[in-house]
Amino acid sequence: MRRSPVPGVLATLALVWPLASCATGGVKFDLDPARTALAEARSAGAPTRSAEAFARAEKHLQEAEALEAGRNGRRDRRAAQRAADLAIVEAHCATALSRAVRQTEQTTTKAAAQVAASTAEVDRLTARIKKMEEDQHRLEDRVAVLTRDLEVTETELIRTKARLKGNETKAEASAAIAEARILAGRLAEDKTKALVLARSEESLAKAEEQLSAGNFGAALFFASKAQDLVARVKQGGGADEAHDPTAVPSPPIPSLSSYVVRTAARVRKGPTLSDPVLGHLPEGTQVMGEAVSGEWVKVTYQGLSGWVHSSLLQ
C-alpha cells in the first residue's frame, strides 16, 4: 500500500515557515525617526550651513527607503534599519553643526555691529578733536594779532609819555613798582598762576627799564599794568590782608617807632593795596610808626598819616 506525500510536505513547511518569518518579519523597522531627524536638520538650516552632513543623511534615508521597498530586487529590512540609523546620526550631526554656525554668525554680526558703532564713535571724536584744534589755531592767531596790536600801542604810549613829560615823578613810579613787586611775590607762591606771574614780571621789567630811562609816566603805566594783572587773578581784592580770615593780626608796635623808607613808597588810606593813595614817601625818608596791621605799618610824615607796606620800610 502506497503512502500519500502530503503529510511530509506539510511537516517541511511547518519547519521552514518560522525561519522565513525570522529573516523578514521579525526585524523591528521604523523610518519615522530618521525622517523626523532630517526635518529638524532642515529647519535648523543644515542644507546651507552644514550641507555635506545633511546630504549624507538624505542619502542614507533614501537607501533605507529603497531597501525597505525592495527597489533593488530584494527587500532587506535589516540593511534598511542600519541605513536609517546612519541617517539619524548624520542628521543630528548636521543639526548641531548648523546651530553652531548660526550662533557663530550671530556673534560675528553682533561683534561687527559693535565695531561699527565704535568706529563711528571714534570718527565722531576725531572730528570733534579736529574742530577743537582748528578753533585753537584760530584763537592763537587772534591772540597773536592782539599781542602785536598791544605792543604797537605800548610803544606809542612810551613815546607819548617821553614826549609829554607829565606830572609823574620818580617817587610815584618807584612806589608803584615796589607795590607791584609785593603782589607778584605773593603770586609766585601759587604754581597754577605761573603764566600770569610771567606776564606781570614782563610788565615790571618794562617799568624798571622806563624808570631808568627817566620816562616816569611810562614806568608808572607798566607798574600799574603789572598790579592789574595780579589783582584780576586775586578777583579784584588782590592781596587784601584786611579781608583774609586766616590772617593773624600783629600786635601793636610801641608808639614813636622810627622807620626808614627803603625805596619810594605809596602812603595809602588803609592797610590794603586796594585803598586809595594819599601820598608818597621818597627813598631814605625817616618816618614814625604808630600801629601795625598784618604786613602794613601806619606812619606819619610831615602831617601825612597813612599806611605803608612793611617791605618798603626798614
Protein backbone atom coordinates (compact mmCIF):
# COMPACT_ATOMS: atom_id res chain seq x y z
CA MET A 1 0.00 0.00 0.00
CA ARG A 2 1.50 3.41 -1.13
CA ARG A 3 1.57 6.35 1.40
CA SER A 4 0.47 9.93 0.43
CA PRO A 5 3.30 12.63 0.25
CA VAL A 6 1.10 15.44 1.68
CA PRO A 7 1.89 14.88 5.34
CA GLY A 8 5.64 15.11 4.62
CA VAL A 9 5.26 18.39 2.71
CA LEU A 10 3.22 19.85 5.48
CA ALA A 11 5.83 18.87 8.01
CA THR A 12 8.56 20.51 5.93
CA LEU A 13 6.58 23.76 5.61
CA ALA A 14 5.99 23.75 9.34
CA LEU A 15 9.73 23.80 9.89
CA VAL A 16 10.66 26.37 7.16
CA TRP A 17 7.92 28.94 7.83
CA PRO A 18 9.21 30.11 11.24
CA LEU A 19 12.71 30.54 9.82
CA ALA A 20 11.41 32.68 6.98
CA SER A 21 9.49 34.74 9.47
CA CYS A 22 12.71 35.37 11.47
CA ALA A 23 14.52 36.53 8.31
CA THR A 24 11.98 39.20 7.36
CA GLY A 25 9.03 39.99 9.58
CA GLY A 26 10.91 39.59 12.87
CA VAL A 27 13.13 42.71 12.37
CA LYS A 28 11.93 45.93 14.07
CA PHE A 29 11.85 48.61 11.38
CA ASP A 30 10.78 52.32 11.52
CA LEU A 31 11.83 55.14 9.19
CA ASP A 32 9.94 57.91 11.05
CA PRO A 33 12.79 58.79 13.47
CA ALA A 34 15.14 59.26 10.52
CA ARG A 35 12.59 61.41 8.68
CA THR A 36 12.00 63.47 11.85
CA ALA A 37 15.74 63.97 12.34
CA LEU A 38 16.13 65.22 8.77
CA ALA A 39 13.17 67.58 9.14
CA GLU A 40 14.75 69.02 12.29
CA ALA A 41 18.06 69.44 10.48
CA ARG A 42 16.33 71.16 7.58
CA SER A 43 14.55 73.63 9.90
CA ALA A 44 17.90 74.39 11.58
CA GLY A 45 19.30 75.47 8.22
CA ALA A 46 21.52 72.46 7.70
CA PRO A 47 21.11 72.42 3.87
CA THR A 48 23.10 75.68 3.72
CA ARG A 49 25.15 75.75 6.95
CA SER A 50 26.21 72.04 7.03
CA ALA A 51 25.44 70.87 3.52
CA GLU A 52 27.75 67.85 3.43
CA ALA A 53 26.43 66.22 6.60
CA PHE A 54 22.84 66.92 5.57
CA ALA A 55 23.45 65.40 2.11
CA ARG A 56 24.83 62.23 3.69
CA ALA A 57 21.80 61.97 5.95
CA GLU A 58 19.44 62.32 2.99
CA LYS A 59 21.40 59.67 1.07
CA HIS A 60 21.20 57.18 3.94
CA LEU A 61 17.46 57.76 4.30
CA GLN A 62 16.92 57.21 0.59
CA GLU A 63 18.92 53.95 0.82
CA ALA A 64 16.76 52.84 3.75
CA GLU A 65 13.57 53.63 1.84
CA ALA A 66 14.85 51.74 -1.22
CA LEU A 67 15.83 48.66 0.80
CA GLU A 68 12.53 48.65 2.64
CA ALA A 69 10.58 48.88 -0.62
CA GLY A 70 12.71 46.30 -2.42
CA ARG A 71 13.57 48.62 -5.29
CA ASN A 72 16.89 46.87 -5.91
CA GLY A 73 15.25 43.46 -6.41
CA ARG A 74 15.10 42.41 -2.82
CA ARG A 75 13.60 43.67 0.41
CA ASP A 76 16.12 43.81 3.27
CA ARG A 77 14.75 45.43 6.41
CA ARG A 78 17.90 44.83 8.43
CA ALA A 79 20.01 46.78 5.98
CA ALA A 80 17.25 49.38 5.72
CA GLN A 81 17.28 49.89 9.51
CA ARG A 82 21.05 50.27 9.51
CA ALA A 83 20.81 52.91 6.77
CA ALA A 84 18.04 54.70 8.73
CA ASP A 85 20.22 54.71 11.87
CA LEU A 86 23.07 56.24 9.88
CA ALA A 87 20.67 58.82 8.52
CA ILE A 88 19.66 59.76 12.09
CA VAL A 89 23.29 60.15 13.19
CA GLU A 90 24.19 62.29 10.16
CA ALA A 91 21.04 64.41 10.59
CA HIS A 92 21.82 65.08 14.26
CA CYS A 93 25.38 65.98 13.32
CA ALA A 94 24.12 68.36 10.62
CA THR A 95 21.67 69.97 13.08
CA ALA A 96 24.34 70.54 15.74
CA LEU A 97 26.81 71.90 13.21
CA SER A 98 24.19 74.20 11.69
CA ARG A 99 23.21 75.61 15.07
CA ALA A 100 26.86 76.19 15.95
CA VAL A 101 27.42 78.01 12.66
CA ARG A 102 24.29 80.10 13.22
CA GLN A 103 25.44 81.07 16.72
CA THR A 104 28.83 81.99 15.30
CA GLU A 105 27.16 84.10 12.63
CA GLN A 106 25.05 85.89 15.24
CA THR A 107 28.09 86.53 17.44
CA THR A 108 30.06 87.77 14.45
CA THR A 109 27.21 90.03 13.38
CA LYS A 110 26.91 91.46 16.87
CA ALA A 111 30.65 92.00 17.10
CA ALA A 112 30.65 93.65 13.68
CA ALA A 113 27.86 95.97 14.81
CA GLN A 114 29.82 96.87 17.93
CA VAL A 115 32.94 97.52 15.87
CA ALA A 116 30.91 99.69 13.50
CA ALA A 117 29.48 101.63 16.44
CA SER A 118 32.93 102.03 17.97
CA THR A 119 34.31 103.17 14.64
CA ALA A 120 31.52 105.72 14.33
CA GLU A 121 32.25 106.99 17.84
CA VAL A 122 35.96 107.23 17.07
CA ASP A 123 35.17 109.14 13.89
CA ARG A 124 32.90 111.50 15.82
CA LEU A 125 35.54 112.12 18.48
CA THR A 126 38.22 112.57 15.82
CA ALA A 127 36.07 115.17 14.07
CA ARG A 128 35.44 116.92 17.36
CA ILE A 129 39.14 116.99 18.21
CA LYS A 130 39.93 118.32 14.75
CA LYS A 131 37.39 121.09 15.18
CA MET A 132 38.82 121.96 18.60
CA GLU A 133 42.31 122.11 17.13
CA GLU A 134 41.09 124.38 14.35
CA ASP A 135 39.38 126.62 16.91
CA GLN A 136 42.57 126.69 18.96
CA HIS A 137 44.62 127.69 15.91
CA ARG A 138 42.17 130.49 15.14
CA LEU A 139 42.32 131.63 18.75
CA GLU A 140 46.10 131.56 18.73
CA ASP A 141 46.13 133.63 15.54
CA ARG A 142 43.75 136.11 17.15
CA VAL A 143 45.91 136.31 20.27
CA ALA A 144 48.98 136.90 18.12
CA VAL A 145 47.23 139.78 16.33
CA LEU A 146 46.10 141.32 19.63
CA THR A 147 49.59 140.92 21.07
CA ARG A 148 51.10 142.77 18.13
CA ASP A 149 48.50 145.50 18.47
CA LEU A 150 49.26 145.76 22.18
CA GLU A 151 52.99 146.04 21.52
CA VAL A 152 52.36 148.80 19.00
CA THR A 153 50.10 150.60 21.48
CA GLU A 154 52.64 150.29 24.28
CA THR A 155 55.41 151.58 22.03
CA GLU A 156 53.31 154.58 21.07
CA LEU A 157 52.43 155.20 24.72
CA ILE A 158 56.12 155.13 25.72
CA ARG A 159 56.93 157.68 23.03
CA THR A 160 54.00 159.86 24.04
CA LYS A 161 54.90 159.78 27.73
CA ALA A 162 58.52 160.59 26.94
CA ARG A 163 57.47 163.49 24.72
CA LEU A 164 54.89 165.00 27.07
CA LYS A 165 56.90 164.71 30.30
CA GLY A 166 53.82 164.73 32.53
CA ASN A 167 53.48 165.31 36.24
CA GLU A 168 54.53 161.79 37.22
CA THR A 169 57.56 161.69 39.46
CA LYS A 170 60.28 159.18 40.01
CA ALA A 171 58.96 158.57 43.53
CA GLU A 172 55.50 157.71 42.26
CA ALA A 173 56.86 155.36 39.64
CA SER A 174 59.23 153.70 42.11
CA ALA A 175 56.44 153.27 44.66
CA ALA A 176 54.16 151.70 42.04
CA ILE A 177 56.91 149.27 41.01
CA ALA A 178 57.56 148.36 44.65
CA GLU A 179 53.91 147.57 45.30
CA ALA A 180 53.70 145.55 42.08
CA ARG A 181 56.70 143.55 43.29
CA ILE A 182 54.88 142.81 46.52
CA LEU A 183 51.85 141.45 44.66
CA ALA A 184 54.00 139.43 42.23
CA GLY A 185 55.91 137.90 45.13
CA ARG A 186 52.70 136.61 46.68
CA LEU A 187 51.51 135.25 43.35
CA ALA A 188 54.77 133.29 42.98
CA GLU A 189 53.61 131.02 45.80
CA ASP A 190 50.78 129.72 43.61
CA LYS A 191 52.25 127.44 40.92
CA THR A 192 49.00 127.45 38.94
CA LYS A 193 49.39 131.17 38.24
CA ALA A 194 52.80 130.88 36.53
CA LEU A 195 51.56 132.39 33.26
CA VAL A 196 50.08 135.47 34.94
CA LEU A 197 53.21 135.84 37.03
CA ALA A 198 55.36 135.75 33.89
CA ARG A 199 53.27 138.50 32.27
CA SER A 200 53.42 140.56 35.46
CA GLU A 201 57.20 140.19 35.62
CA GLU A 202 57.43 141.23 31.97
CA SER A 203 55.47 144.42 32.70
CA LEU A 204 57.64 145.10 35.75
CA ALA A 205 60.79 144.72 33.65
CA LYS A 206 59.43 147.30 31.21
CA ALA A 207 58.52 149.59 34.11
CA GLU A 208 62.04 149.46 35.52
CA GLU A 209 63.50 149.99 32.07
CA GLN A 210 61.42 153.15 31.60
CA LEU A 211 62.28 154.27 35.13
CA SER A 212 65.98 154.03 34.31
CA ALA A 213 65.35 155.94 31.09
CA GLY A 214 63.68 158.76 33.05
CA ASN A 215 60.27 158.11 31.45
CA PHE A 216 58.35 158.06 34.74
CA GLY A 217 54.93 158.17 33.12
CA ALA A 218 55.61 155.01 31.11
CA ALA A 219 57.17 153.36 34.17
CA LEU A 220 54.04 154.14 36.18
CA PHE A 221 51.89 152.74 33.38
CA PHE A 222 53.70 149.40 33.23
CA ALA A 223 53.82 149.09 37.02
CA SER A 224 50.06 149.69 37.20
CA LYS A 225 49.56 147.14 34.45
CA ALA A 226 51.51 144.54 36.46
CA GLN A 227 49.36 145.30 39.50
CA ASP A 228 46.17 144.96 37.47
CA LEU A 229 47.22 141.56 36.14
CA VAL A 230 47.72 140.22 39.65
CA ALA A 231 44.63 141.95 41.03
CA ARG A 232 42.40 140.29 38.41
CA VAL A 233 43.75 136.89 39.37
CA LYS A 234 43.00 137.68 43.00
CA GLN A 235 39.42 138.52 41.92
CA GLY A 236 39.56 142.22 42.48
CA GLY A 237 40.86 142.18 46.02
CA GLY A 238 44.38 141.07 45.36
CA ALA A 239 46.41 140.60 48.48
CA ASP A 240 43.97 142.19 50.85
CA GLU A 241 45.09 141.18 54.30
CA ALA A 242 42.26 143.01 55.99
CA HIS A 243 39.75 140.61 54.46
CA ASP A 244 41.81 137.44 54.86
CA PRO A 245 40.06 135.30 57.52
CA THR A 246 43.23 133.26 58.08
CA ALA A 247 45.47 136.26 58.68
CA VAL A 248 46.74 136.60 62.24
CA PRO A 249 46.88 140.31 63.26
CA SER A 250 50.22 141.52 64.54
CA PRO A 251 50.34 143.13 67.96
CA PRO A 252 50.53 146.93 68.07
CA ILE A 253 54.03 148.34 67.99
CA PRO A 254 55.17 150.93 70.50
CA SER A 255 54.40 154.50 69.50
CA LEU A 256 57.12 156.71 68.13
CA SER A 257 58.90 153.72 66.47
CA SER A 258 61.21 155.04 63.78
CA TYR A 259 61.45 153.61 60.23
CA VAL A 260 63.49 154.49 57.15
CA VAL A 261 61.89 154.19 53.72
CA ARG A 262 63.95 151.64 51.73
CA THR A 263 62.52 152.67 48.36
CA ALA A 264 59.94 155.19 47.25
CA ALA A 265 56.64 154.13 48.82
CA ARG A 266 52.97 154.96 48.49
CA VAL A 267 51.04 156.02 51.57
CA ARG A 268 47.53 154.55 51.50
CA LYS A 269 44.39 155.37 53.42
CA GLY A 270 44.03 151.81 54.73
CA PRO A 271 46.18 148.68 55.18
CA THR A 272 45.43 147.16 51.77
CA LEU A 273 46.58 147.71 48.22
CA SER A 274 43.02 148.48 47.23
CA ASP A 275 42.83 151.55 49.47
CA PRO A 276 43.34 154.94 47.81
CA VAL A 277 46.78 156.55 47.70
CA LEU A 278 47.18 159.62 49.92
CA GLY A 279 50.75 160.49 49.01
CA HIS A 280 54.30 159.27 48.52
CA LEU A 281 57.42 158.91 50.64
CA PRO A 282 60.81 159.42 49.00
CA GLU A 283 63.57 156.85 49.44
CA GLY A 284 65.55 157.37 52.64
CA THR A 285 62.78 159.28 54.40
CA GLN A 286 62.58 158.71 58.17
CA VAL A 287 59.04 158.23 59.47
CA MET A 288 57.36 157.45 62.78
CA GLY A 289 55.29 154.26 63.14
CA GLU A 290 52.03 154.32 65.04
CA ALA A 291 50.41 150.89 64.52
CA VAL A 292 50.71 147.60 62.64
CA SER A 293 48.05 145.63 60.76
CA GLY A 294 49.33 142.45 59.16
CA GLU A 295 52.17 143.50 56.84
CA TRP A 296 51.23 147.19 56.93
CA VAL A 297 52.58 149.93 59.16
CA LYS A 298 50.75 153.17 59.90
CA VAL A 299 53.17 156.10 59.71
CA THR A 300 53.11 159.86 59.95
CA TYR A 301 55.34 162.19 57.95
CA GLN A 302 55.01 165.98 57.77
CA GLY A 303 51.34 165.84 58.64
CA LEU A 304 50.63 162.94 56.22
CA SER A 305 49.27 159.90 58.05
CA GLY A 306 48.61 156.61 56.31
CA TRP A 307 49.65 153.01 55.77
CA VAL A 308 52.85 151.73 54.10
CA HIS A 309 53.76 148.14 53.34
CA SER A 310 56.39 146.88 55.77
CA SER A 311 58.61 145.50 52.95
CA LEU A 312 59.25 149.09 51.90
CA LEU A 313 60.47 150.08 55.37
CA GLN A 314 63.46 149.20 57.48
